[in-house]
């Protein structure tokens, strides 16, 4: 995988806290279907759009607004992580 895979790995790690073992499959589908790219090519510029799609889908599974806000905030914080390539 490319250097951007660190960001992809971080997104999956955060998502595992909410979706468990299905996180990777879920994230891969969101990236491929909504961003039209390979998951390992995820960039910080993609995070805002990806976050919007993820939260929209997860909101269909839960009405817990605090959980959704927490998840969204954690994903947003990845865009501030300097170790991931832009």
Protein backbone atom coordinates (compact mmCIF):
# COMPACT_ATOMS: atom_id res chain seq x y z
CA UNK A 1 0.00 0.00 0.00
CA UNK A 2 0.97 3.61 -0.42
CA UNK A 3 1.89 6.11 2.29
CA UNK A 4 -1.72 7.28 2.41
CA UNK A 5 -2.61 3.86 3.76
CA UNK A 6 -1.75 5.16 7.24
CA UNK A 7 -4.80 7.43 7.07
CA UNK A 8 -6.93 4.57 5.76
CA UNK A 9 -5.72 2.38 8.64
CA UNK A 10 -6.61 5.10 11.13
CA UNK A 11 -10.13 5.44 9.71
CA UNK A 12 -10.61 1.70 10.05
CA UNK A 13 -9.24 1.70 13.61
CA UNK A 14 -11.70 4.41 14.67
CA UNK A 15 -14.55 2.66 12.90
CA UNK A 16 -13.78 -0.67 14.59
CA UNK A 17 -14.71 0.95 17.90
CA UNK A 18 -18.23 1.44 16.54
CA UNK A 19 -18.77 -1.37 14.04
CA UNK A 20 -16.37 -4.04 15.22
CA UNK A 21 -14.98 -6.52 12.71
CA UNK A 22 -17.19 -5.23 9.88
CA UNK A 23 -15.36 -1.87 9.92
CA UNK A 24 -12.92 -2.59 7.09
CA UNK A 25 -15.60 -3.87 4.73
CA UNK A 26 -17.85 -0.91 5.60
CA UNK A 27 -15.10 1.68 5.05
CA UNK A 28 -13.96 0.05 1.81
CA UNK A 29 -17.49 0.24 0.43
CA UNK A 30 -17.93 3.87 1.46
CA UNK A 31 -14.65 4.90 -0.18
CA UNK A 32 -15.17 2.89 -3.35
CA UNK A 33 -18.83 3.80 -3.85
CA UNK A 34 -18.88 7.43 -2.75
CA UNK A 35 -15.35 8.65 -3.41
CA UNK A 36 -14.79 6.48 -6.50
CA UNK A 37 -11.28 5.47 -5.49
CA UNK A 38 -9.32 2.64 -3.98
CA UNK A 39 -9.32 2.69 -0.18
CA UNK A 40 -5.52 2.87 0.04
CA UNK A 41 -5.65 6.11 -1.98
CA UNK A 42 -7.65 7.93 0.70
CA UNK A 43 -6.35 11.44 1.44
CA UNK A 44 -7.08 14.04 4.09
CA UNK A 45 -8.99 16.00 1.46
CA UNK A 46 -11.41 13.07 1.21
CA UNK A 47 -12.14 12.90 4.94
CA UNK A 48 -14.89 15.50 5.07
CA UNK A 49 -16.93 13.85 2.33
CA UNK A 50 -16.21 10.38 3.69
CA UNK A 51 -17.26 11.48 7.18
CA UNK A 52 -20.56 12.81 5.82
CA UNK A 53 -21.35 9.49 4.13
CA UNK A 54 -20.28 7.40 7.09
CA UNK A 55 -22.39 9.35 9.56
CA UNK A 56 -25.40 9.31 7.21
CA UNK A 57 -25.24 5.52 6.99
CA UNK A 58 -24.52 4.91 10.68
CA UNK A 59 -27.39 7.24 11.58
CA UNK A 60 -29.67 4.70 9.91
CA UNK A 61 -28.44 2.13 12.44
CA UNK A 62 -28.69 4.18 15.62
CA UNK A 63 -30.53 7.18 16.98
CA UNK A 64 -27.79 7.81 19.55
CA UNK A 65 -26.79 11.37 18.64
CA UNK A 66 -23.94 11.44 21.17
CA UNK A 67 -22.42 8.33 19.62
CA UNK A 68 -22.74 9.81 16.13
CA UNK A 69 -21.16 13.09 17.23
CA UNK A 70 -18.31 11.26 18.96
CA UNK A 71 -17.64 9.09 15.91
CA UNK A 72 -17.78 12.08 13.57
CA UNK A 73 -15.43 14.10 15.78
CA UNK A 74 -12.93 11.27 15.93
CA UNK A 75 -12.95 10.96 12.15
CA UNK A 76 -12.59 14.73 11.75
CA UNK A 77 -9.62 14.72 14.10
CA UNK A 78 -7.75 12.50 11.65
CA UNK A 79 -7.55 15.41 9.21
CA UNK A 80 -5.47 17.24 11.82
CA UNK A 81 -3.05 14.34 12.17
CA UNK A 82 0.19 15.46 10.56
CA UNK A 83 1.53 11.92 10.09
CA UNK A 84 -0.90 11.26 7.24
CA UNK A 85 -0.02 12.52 3.80
CA UNK A 86 -2.40 15.09 2.25
